[in-house]
Amino acid sequence: MDDVQKELLQEYPADTPVAACYHLTWPDQKIYRGQLKDLAKIVHDNHLTLTTMLVVGEAIDNRHGFSELYNKNFTHLFRTGEDTIQIG
């Protein structure tokens, strides 16, 4: 992880937002946020190894809340949500 942080710091400023996403979309998911200069510490301190996705950059602050993709009531191109009323 230290090497990953070192490589990223060659391309991004130290204060770039980061997120270490553990078991993302699983019931026990945890998302640890911080700055790139602290990424290795975040990963080490929280014992993150497998099934962890790292997100680097402003993209992590572009949305609010959780994805609704797997919500049974969410309608999208390939599925009508269970609580959706269809007219017609």
PDB file of N, CA and C in Angstrom:
ATOM      1  N   MET A   1       0.819  -1.186   0.000  1.00  0.00           N
ATOM      2  CA  MET A   1       0.000   0.000   0.000  1.00  0.00           C
ATOM      3  C   MET A   1       0.865   1.254   0.000  1.00  0.00           C
ATOM      4  N   ASP A   2       1.985   1.175   0.677  1.00  0.00           N
ATOM      5  CA  ASP A   2       2.895   2.327   0.712  1.00  0.00           C
ATOM      6  C   ASP A   2       3.388   2.665  -0.696  1.00  0.00           C
ATOM      7  N   ASP A   3       3.666   1.628  -1.489  1.00  0.00           N
ATOM      8  CA  ASP A   3       4.119   1.848  -2.870  1.00  0.00           C
ATOM      9  C   ASP A   3       3.017   2.453  -3.730  1.00  0.00           C
ATOM     10  N   VAL A   4       1.784   2.008  -3.519  1.00  0.00           N
ATOM     11  CA  VAL A   4       0.648   2.557  -4.271  1.00  0.00           C
ATOM     12  C   VAL A   4       0.496   4.039  -3.953  1.00  0.00           C
ATOM     13  N   GLN A   5       0.553   4.377  -2.682  1.00  0.00           N
ATOM     14  CA  GLN A   5       0.435   5.780  -2.279  1.00  0.00           C
ATOM     15  C   GLN A   5       1.563   6.600  -2.899  1.00  0.00           C
ATOM     16  N   LYS A   6       2.763   6.078  -2.860  1.00  0.00           N
ATOM     17  CA  LYS A   6       3.923   6.798  -3.402  1.00  0.00           C
ATOM     18  C   LYS A   6       3.743   7.069  -4.904  1.00  0.00           C
ATOM     19  N   GLU A   7       3.248   6.063  -5.634  1.00  0.00           N
ATOM     20  CA  GLU A   7       3.024   6.243  -7.079  1.00  0.00           C
ATOM     21  C   GLU A   7       1.922   7.257  -7.349  1.00  0.00           C
ATOM     22  N   LEU A   8       0.831   7.187  -6.591  1.00  0.00           N
ATOM     23  CA  LEU A   8      -0.269   8.131  -6.778  1.00  0.00           C
ATOM     24  C   LEU A   8       0.166   9.563  -6.484  1.00  0.00           C
ATOM     25  N   LEU A   9       1.023   9.722  -5.492  1.00  0.00           N
ATOM     26  CA  LEU A   9       1.501  11.061  -5.138  1.00  0.00           C
ATOM     27  C   LEU A   9       2.374  11.677  -6.226  1.00  0.00           C
ATOM     28  N   GLN A  10       2.839  10.875  -7.154  1.00  0.00           N
ATOM     29  CA  GLN A  10       3.595  11.403  -8.288  1.00  0.00           C
ATOM     30  C   GLN A  10       2.673  12.084  -9.296  1.00  0.00           C
ATOM     31  N   GLU A  11       1.389  11.755  -9.258  1.00  0.00           N
ATOM     32  CA  GLU A  11       0.420  12.279 -10.230  1.00  0.00           C
ATOM     33  C   GLU A  11      -0.628  13.206  -9.618  1.00  0.00           C
ATOM     34  N   TYR A  12      -0.884  13.056  -8.320  1.00  0.00           N
ATOM     35  CA  TYR A  12      -1.952  13.814  -7.658  1.00  0.00           C
ATOM     36  C   TYR A  12      -1.400  14.604  -6.476  1.00  0.00           C
ATOM     37  N   PRO A  13      -2.021  15.732  -6.148  1.00  0.00           N
ATOM     38  CA  PRO A  13      -1.616  16.480  -4.952  1.00  0.00           C
ATOM     39  C   PRO A  13      -1.900  15.672  -3.677  1.00  0.00           C
ATOM     40  N   ALA A  14      -1.153  15.937  -2.630  1.00  0.00           N
ATOM     41  CA  ALA A  14      -1.290  15.214  -1.361  1.00  0.00           C
ATOM     42  C   ALA A  14      -2.677  15.353  -0.743  1.00  0.00           C
ATOM     43  N   ASP A  15      -3.375  16.469  -1.032  1.00  0.00           N
ATOM     44  CA  ASP A  15      -4.696  16.681  -0.434  1.00  0.00           C
ATOM     45  C   ASP A  15      -5.842  16.161  -1.308  1.00  0.00           C
ATOM     46  N   THR A  16      -5.524  15.357  -2.323  1.00  0.00           N
ATOM     47  CA  THR A  16      -6.562  14.760  -3.178  1.00  0.00           C
ATOM     48  C   THR A  16      -7.451  13.857  -2.331  1.00  0.00           C
ATOM     49  N   PRO A  17      -8.784  13.969  -2.467  1.00  0.00           N
ATOM     50  CA  PRO A  17      -9.678  13.097  -1.704  1.00  0.00           C
ATOM     51  C   PRO A  17      -9.519  11.632  -2.137  1.00  0.00           C
ATOM     52  N   VAL A  18      -9.589  10.737  -1.148  1.00  0.00           N
ATOM     53  CA  VAL A  18      -9.536   9.303  -1.419  1.00  0.00           C
ATOM     54  C   VAL A  18     -10.591   8.596  -0.583  1.00  0.00           C
ATOM     55  N   ALA A  19     -10.953   7.428  -1.042  1.00  0.00           N
ATOM     56  CA  ALA A  19     -11.845   6.566  -0.268  1.00  0.00           C
ATOM     57  C   ALA A  19     -11.350   5.135  -0.409  1.00  0.00           C
ATOM     58  N   ALA A  20     -11.263   4.444   0.708  1.00  0.00           N
ATOM     59  CA  ALA A  20     -10.970   3.011   0.722  1.00  0.00           C
ATOM     60  C   ALA A  20     -12.292   2.336   1.034  1.00  0.00           C
ATOM     61  N   CYS A  21     -12.832   1.628   0.053  1.00  0.00           N
ATOM     62  CA  CYS A  21     -14.180   1.060   0.150  1.00  0.00           C
ATOM     63  C   CYS A  21     -14.081  -0.447   0.378  1.00  0.00           C
ATOM     64  N   TYR A  22     -14.391  -0.876   1.577  1.00  0.00           N
ATOM     65  CA  TYR A  22     -14.289  -2.282   1.975  1.00  0.00           C
ATOM     66  C   TYR A  22     -15.640  -2.957   1.820  1.00  0.00           C
ATOM     67  N   HIS A  23     -15.654  -4.101   1.147  1.00  0.00           N
ATOM     68  CA  HIS A  23     -16.891  -4.870   0.913  1.00  0.00           C
ATOM     69  C   HIS A  23     -18.001  -3.986   0.345  1.00  0.00           C
ATOM     70  N   LEU A  24     -17.657  -3.170  -0.616  1.00  0.00           N
ATOM     71  CA  LEU A  24     -18.610  -2.235  -1.212  1.00  0.00           C
ATOM     72  C   LEU A  24     -19.844  -2.966  -1.720  1.00  0.00           C
ATOM     73  N   THR A  25     -21.012  -2.490  -1.393  1.00  0.00           N
ATOM     74  CA  THR A  25     -22.353  -3.007  -1.696  1.00  0.00           C
ATOM     75  C   THR A  25     -22.723  -4.243  -0.878  1.00  0.00           C
ATOM     76  N   TRP A  26     -21.866  -4.721  -0.014  1.00  0.00           N
ATOM     77  CA  TRP A  26     -22.202  -5.839   0.867  1.00  0.00           C
ATOM     78  C   TRP A  26     -22.851  -5.275   2.132  1.00  0.00           C
ATOM     79  N   PRO A  27     -23.593  -6.099   2.875  1.00  0.00           N
ATOM     80  CA  PRO A  27     -24.234  -5.590   4.098  1.00  0.00           C
ATOM     81  C   PRO A  27     -23.244  -5.006   5.112  1.00  0.00           C
ATOM     82  N   ASP A  28     -22.010  -5.494   5.118  1.00  0.00           N
ATOM     83  CA  ASP A  28     -21.032  -5.012   6.098  1.00  0.00           C
ATOM     84  C   ASP A  28     -20.056  -3.984   5.507  1.00  0.00           C
ATOM     85  N   GLN A  29     -20.471  -3.305   4.438  1.00  0.00           N
ATOM     86  CA  GLN A  29     -19.562  -2.354   3.785  1.00  0.00           C
ATOM     87  C   GLN A  29     -19.129  -1.243   4.733  1.00  0.00           C
ATOM     88  N   LYS A  30     -17.901  -0.797   4.504  1.00  0.00           N
ATOM     89  CA  LYS A  30     -17.364   0.346   5.236  1.00  0.00           C
ATOM     90  C   LYS A  30     -16.595   1.194   4.240  1.00  0.00           C
ATOM     91  N   ILE A  31     -16.746   2.499   4.341  1.00  0.00           N
ATOM     92  CA  ILE A  31     -16.036   3.419   3.463  1.00  0.00           C
ATOM     93  C   ILE A  31     -15.236   4.377   4.335  1.00  0.00           C
ATOM     94  N   TYR A  32     -13.935   4.351   4.138  1.00  0.00           N
ATOM     95  CA  TYR A  32     -13.022   5.205   4.892  1.00  0.00           C
ATOM     96  C   TYR A  32     -12.546   6.307   3.959  1.00  0.00           C
ATOM     97  N   ARG A  33     -12.767   7.549   4.336  1.00  0.00           N
ATOM     98  CA  ARG A  33     -12.387   8.700   3.505  1.00  0.00           C
ATOM     99  C   ARG A  33     -11.234   9.449   4.133  1.00  0.00           C
ATOM    100  N   GLY A  34     -10.476  10.096   3.270  1.00  0.00           N
ATOM    101  CA  GLY A  34      -9.373  10.904   3.758  1.00  0.00           C
ATOM    102  C   GLY A  34      -8.693  11.601   2.601  1.00  0.00           C
ATOM    103  N   GLN A  35      -7.417  11.884   2.790  1.00  0.00           N
ATOM    104  CA  GLN A  35      -6.615  12.523   1.752  1.00  0.00           C
ATOM    105  C   GLN A  35      -5.527  11.554   1.310  1.00  0.00           C
ATOM    106  N   LEU A  36      -5.076  11.743   0.089  1.00  0.00           N
ATOM    107  CA  LEU A  36      -4.083  10.841  -0.489  1.00  0.00           C
ATOM    108  C   LEU A  36      -2.849  10.702   0.399  1.00  0.00           C
ATOM    109  N   LYS A  37      -2.422  11.774   1.028  1.00  0.00           N
ATOM    110  CA  LYS A  37      -1.234  11.708   1.891  1.00  0.00           C
ATOM    111  C   LYS A  37      -1.408  10.735   3.051  1.00  0.00           C
ATOM    112  N   ASP A  38      -2.658  10.367   3.375  1.00  0.00           N
ATOM    113  CA  ASP A  38      -2.954   9.466   4.488  1.00  0.00           C
ATOM    114  C   ASP A  38      -3.483   8.102   4.043  1.00  0.00           C
ATOM    115  N   LEU A  39      -3.485   7.835   2.747  1.00  0.00           N
ATOM    116  CA  LEU A  39      -4.109   6.611   2.241  1.00  0.00           C
ATOM    117  C   LEU A  39      -3.509   5.345   2.840  1.00  0.00           C
ATOM    118  N   ALA A  40      -2.203   5.214   2.840  1.00  0.00           N
ATOM    119  CA  ALA A  40      -1.569   4.004   3.383  1.00  0.00           C
ATOM    120  C   ALA A  40      -1.932   3.820   4.855  1.00  0.00           C
ATOM    121  N   LYS A  41      -1.950   4.910   5.608  1.00  0.00           N
ATOM    122  CA  LYS A  41      -2.313   4.838   7.029  1.00  0.00           C
ATOM    123  C   LYS A  41      -3.766   4.378   7.200  1.00  0.00           C
ATOM    124  N   ILE A  42      -4.666   4.900   6.379  1.00  0.00           N
ATOM    125  CA  ILE A  42      -6.077   4.496   6.435  1.00  0.00           C
ATOM    126  C   ILE A  42      -6.198   2.995   6.209  1.00  0.00           C
ATOM    127  N   VAL A  43      -5.519   2.503   5.184  1.00  0.00           N
ATOM    128  CA  VAL A  43      -5.588   1.079   4.852  1.00  0.00           C
ATOM    129  C   VAL A  43      -4.971   0.232   5.962  1.00  0.00           C
ATOM    130  N   HIS A  44      -3.795   0.615   6.440  1.00  0.00           N
ATOM    131  CA  HIS A  44      -3.119  -0.157   7.499  1.00  0.00           C
ATOM    132  C   HIS A  44      -3.898  -0.117   8.808  1.00  0.00           C
ATOM    133  N   ASP A  45      -4.341   1.063   9.223  1.00  0.00           N
ATOM    134  CA  ASP A  45      -5.036   1.205  10.506  1.00  0.00           C
ATOM    135  C   ASP A  45      -6.340   0.416  10.563  1.00  0.00           C
ATOM    136  N   ASN A  46      -6.982   0.235   9.414  1.00  0.00           N
ATOM    137  CA  ASN A  46      -8.274  -0.467   9.379  1.00  0.00           C
ATOM    138  C   ASN A  46      -8.142  -1.897   8.887  1.00  0.00           C
ATOM    139  N   HIS A  47      -6.905  -2.366   8.735  1.00  0.00           N
ATOM    140  CA  HIS A  47      -6.616  -3.759   8.358  1.00  0.00           C
ATOM    141  C   HIS A  47      -7.327  -4.172   7.072  1.00  0.00           C
ATOM    142  N   LEU A  48      -7.316  -3.283   6.083  1.00  0.00           N
ATOM    143  CA  LEU A  48      -7.985  -3.547   4.815  1.00  0.00           C
ATOM    144  C   LEU A  48      -7.036  -4.322   3.912  1.00  0.00           C
ATOM    145  N   THR A  49      -7.505  -5.461   3.424  1.00  0.00           N
ATOM    146  CA  THR A  49      -6.676  -6.267   2.521  1.00  0.00           C
ATOM    147  C   THR A  49      -7.477  -6.598   1.274  1.00  0.00           C
ATOM    148  N   LEU A  50      -8.165  -7.697   1.311  1.00  0.00           N
ATOM    149  CA  LEU A  50      -8.940  -8.136   0.149  1.00  0.00           C
ATOM    150  C   LEU A  50     -10.272  -7.394   0.068  1.00  0.00           C
ATOM    151  N   THR A  51     -10.873  -7.436  -1.086  1.00  0.00           N
ATOM    152  CA  THR A  51     -12.191  -6.839  -1.366  1.00  0.00           C
ATOM    153  C   THR A  51     -12.277  -5.373  -0.953  1.00  0.00           C
ATOM    154  N   THR A  52     -11.207  -4.649  -1.208  1.00  0.00           N
ATOM    155  CA  THR A  52     -11.181  -3.213  -0.942  1.00  0.00           C
ATOM    156  C   THR A  52     -10.910  -2.481  -2.245  1.00  0.00           C
ATOM    157  N   MET A  53     -11.772  -1.532  -2.578  1.00  0.00           N
ATOM    158  CA  MET A  53     -11.595  -0.721  -3.771  1.00  0.00           C
ATOM    159  C   MET A  53     -11.137   0.667  -3.345  1.00  0.00           C
ATOM    160  N   LEU A  54     -10.111   1.153  -4.021  1.00  0.00           N
ATOM    161  CA  LEU A  54      -9.615   2.494  -3.745  1.00  0.00           C
ATOM    162  C   LEU A  54     -10.158   3.449  -4.793  1.00  0.00           C
ATOM    163  N   VAL A  55     -10.672   4.586  -4.347  1.00  0.00           N
ATOM    164  CA  VAL A  55     -11.162   5.624  -5.245  1.00  0.00           C
ATOM    165  C   VAL A  55     -10.346   6.876  -4.953  1.00  0.00           C
ATOM    166  N   VAL A  56      -9.782   7.450  -6.007  1.00  0.00           N
ATOM    167  CA  VAL A  56      -8.907   8.604  -5.847  1.00  0.00           C
ATOM    168  C   VAL A  56      -9.421   9.739  -6.718  1.00  0.00           C
ATOM    169  N   GLY A  57      -9.651  10.893  -6.130  1.00  0.00           N
ATOM    170  CA  GLY A  57     -10.049  12.059  -6.896  1.00  0.00           C
ATOM    171  C   GLY A  57     -11.384  12.623  -6.467  1.00  0.00           C
ATOM    172  N   GLU A  58     -11.768  13.685  -7.152  1.00  0.00           N
ATOM    173  CA  GLU A  58     -12.991  14.419  -6.813  1.00  0.00           C
ATOM    174  C   GLU A  58     -14.261  13.601  -7.029  1.00  0.00           C
ATOM    175  N   ALA A  59     -14.185  12.514  -7.777  1.00  0.00           N
ATOM    176  CA  ALA A  59     -15.376  11.703  -8.072  1.00  0.00           C
ATOM    177  C   ALA A  59     -16.056  11.194  -6.807  1.00  0.00           C
ATOM    178  N   ILE A  60     -15.315  10.981  -5.744  1.00  0.00           N
ATOM    179  CA  ILE A  60     -15.932  10.415  -4.543  1.00  0.00           C
ATOM    180  C   ILE A  60     -16.910  11.362  -3.873  1.00  0.00           C
ATOM    181  N   ASP A  61     -16.837  12.626  -4.184  1.00  0.00           N
ATOM    182  CA  ASP A  61     -17.765  13.574  -3.576  1.00  0.00           C
ATOM    183  C   ASP A  61     -18.856  14.040  -4.534  1.00  0.00           C
ATOM    184  N   ASN A  62     -19.019  13.344  -5.654  1.00  0.00           N
ATOM    185  CA  ASN A  62     -19.998  13.758  -6.657  1.00  0.00           C
ATOM    186  C   ASN A  62     -21.384  13.154  -6.470  1.00  0.00           C
ATOM    187  N   ARG A  63     -21.579  12.324  -5.476  1.00  0.00           N
ATOM    188  CA  ARG A  63     -22.913  11.765  -5.273  1.00  0.00           C
ATOM    189  C   ARG A  63     -23.210  11.680  -3.790  1.00  0.00           C
ATOM    190  N   HIS A  64     -24.471  11.587  -3.487  1.00  0.00           N
ATOM    191  CA  HIS A  64     -24.898  11.525  -2.100  1.00  0.00           C
ATOM    192  C   HIS A  64     -25.760  10.284  -1.920  1.00  0.00           C
ATOM    193  N   GLY A  65     -25.632   9.634  -0.800  1.00  0.00           N
ATOM    194  CA  GLY A  65     -26.440   8.458  -0.509  1.00  0.00           C
ATOM    195  C   GLY A  65     -25.885   7.204  -1.156  1.00  0.00           C
ATOM    196  N   PHE A  66     -26.647   6.142  -1.084  1.00  0.00           N
ATOM    197  CA  PHE A  66     -26.251   4.842  -1.593  1.00  0.00           C
ATOM    198  C   PHE A  66     -26.898   4.567  -2.940  1.00  0.00           C
ATOM    199  N   SER A  67     -26.314   3.682  -3.695  1.00  0.00           N
ATOM    200  CA  SER A  67     -26.875   3.281  -4.974  1.00  0.00           C
ATOM    201  C   SER A  67     -28.225   2.594  -4.753  1.00  0.00           C
ATOM    202  N   GLU A  68     -29.153   2.848  -5.635  1.00  0.00           N
ATOM    203  CA  GLU A  68     -30.465   2.212  -5.574  1.00  0.00           C
ATOM    204  C   GLU A  68     -30.568   1.034  -6.549  1.00  0.00           C
ATOM    205  N   LEU A  69     -29.500   0.710  -7.235  1.00  0.00           N
ATOM    206  CA  LEU A  69     -29.531  -0.296  -8.290  1.00  0.00           C
ATOM    207  C   LEU A  69     -30.145  -1.614  -7.832  1.00  0.00           C
ATOM    208  N   TYR A  70     -29.830  -2.066  -6.630  1.00  0.00           N
ATOM    209  CA  TYR A  70     -30.334  -3.358  -6.163  1.00  0.00           C
ATOM    210  C   TYR A  70     -31.540  -3.235  -5.240  1.00  0.00           C
ATOM    211  N   ASN A  71     -32.091  -2.040  -5.098  1.00  0.00           N
ATOM    212  CA  ASN A  71     -33.298  -1.830  -4.317  1.00  0.00           C
ATOM    213  C   ASN A  71     -34.474  -2.413  -5.097  1.00  0.00           C
ATOM    214  N   LYS A  72     -35.245  -3.304  -4.488  1.00  0.00           N
ATOM    215  CA  LYS A  72     -36.345  -3.983  -5.204  1.00  0.00           C
ATOM    216  C   LYS A  72     -37.405  -3.003  -5.703  1.00  0.00           C
ATOM    217  N   ASN A  73     -37.447  -1.797  -5.154  1.00  0.00           N
ATOM    218  CA  ASN A  73     -38.435  -0.814  -5.578  1.00  0.00           C
ATOM    219  C   ASN A  73     -37.908   0.146  -6.645  1.00  0.00           C
ATOM    220  N   PHE A  74     -36.661   0.000  -7.023  1.00  0.00           N
ATOM    221  CA  PHE A  74     -36.030   0.885  -7.997  1.00  0.00           C
ATOM    222  C   PHE A  74     -36.328   0.404  -9.413  1.00  0.00           C
ATOM    223  N   THR A  75     -36.819   1.291 -10.256  1.00  0.00           N
ATOM    224  CA  THR A  75     -37.105   0.969 -11.643  1.00  0.00           C
ATOM    225  C   THR A  75     -35.977   1.476 -12.521  1.00  0.00           C
ATOM    226  N   HIS A  76     -35.556   0.616 -13.459  1.00  0.00           N
ATOM    227  CA  HIS A  76     -34.552   1.043 -14.433  1.00  0.00           C
ATOM    228  C   HIS A  76     -34.867   0.367 -15.759  1.00  0.00           C
ATOM    229  N   LEU A  77     -34.016   0.517 -16.723  1.00  0.00           N
ATOM    230  CA  LEU A  77     -34.263   0.063 -18.088  1.00  0.00           C
ATOM    231  C   LEU A  77     -34.687  -1.395 -18.172  1.00  0.00           C
ATOM    232  N   PHE A  78     -34.156  -2.254 -17.318  1.00  0.00           N
ATOM    233  CA  PHE A  78     -34.396  -3.689 -17.434  1.00  0.00           C
ATOM    234  C   PHE A  78     -35.330  -4.255 -16.368  1.00  0.00           C
ATOM    235  N   ARG A  79     -35.869  -3.411 -15.486  1.00  0.00           N
ATOM    236  CA  ARG A  79     -36.724  -3.926 -14.422  1.00  0.00           C
ATOM    237  C   ARG A  79     -37.678  -2.847 -13.931  1.00  0.00           C
ATOM    238  N   THR A  80     -38.912  -3.241 -13.659  1.00  0.00           N
ATOM    239  CA  THR A  80     -39.870  -2.355 -13.028  1.00  0.00           C
ATOM    240  C   THR A  80     -39.875  -2.667 -11.539  1.00  0.00           C
ATOM    241  N   GLY A  81     -39.709  -1.663 -10.711  1.00  0.00           N
ATOM    242  CA  GLY A  81     -39.686  -1.861  -9.267  1.00  0.00           C
ATOM    243  C   GLY A  81     -40.989  -2.449  -8.761  1.00  0.00           C
ATOM    244  N   GLU A  82     -40.934  -3.181  -7.665  1.00  0.00           N
ATOM    245  CA  GLU A  82     -42.110  -3.875  -7.125  1.00  0.00           C
ATOM    246  C   GLU A  82     -43.219  -2.937  -6.706  1.00  0.00           C
ATOM    247  N   ASP A  83     -42.886  -1.768  -6.200  1.00  0.00           N
ATOM    248  CA  ASP A  83     -43.908  -0.824  -5.735  1.00  0.00           C
ATOM    249  C   ASP A  83     -44.288   0.200  -6.790  1.00  0.00           C
ATOM    250  N   THR A  84     -43.850  -0.002  -8.037  1.00  0.00           N
ATOM    251  CA  THR A  84     -44.145   0.950  -9.115  1.00  0.00           C
ATOM    252  C   THR A  84     -45.516   0.631  -9.698  1.00  0.00           C
ATOM    253  N   ILE A  85     -46.340   1.650  -9.883  1.00  0.00           N
ATOM    254  CA  ILE A  85     -47.659   1.491 -10.481  1.00  0.00           C
ATOM    255  C   ILE A  85     -47.518   1.753 -11.971  1.00  0.00           C
ATOM    256  N   GLN A  86     -47.948   0.792 -12.776  1.00  0.00           N
ATOM    257  CA  GLN A  86     -47.879   0.969 -14.220  1.00  0.00           C
ATOM    258  C   GLN A  86     -49.239   1.426 -14.735  1.00  0.00           C
ATOM    259  N   ILE A  87     -49.232   2.442 -15.578  1.00  0.00           N
ATOM    260  CA  ILE A  87     -50.460   2.970 -16.165  1.00  0.00           C
ATOM    261  C   ILE A  87     -50.445   2.644 -17.655  1.00  0.00           C
ATOM    262  N   GLY A  88     -51.553   2.137 -18.135  1.00  0.00           N
ATOM    263  CA  GLY A  88     -51.636   1.893 -19.567  1.00  0.00           C
ATOM    264  C   GLY A  88     -51.906   0.524 -19.965  1.00  0.00           C
TER     265      GLY A  88
END
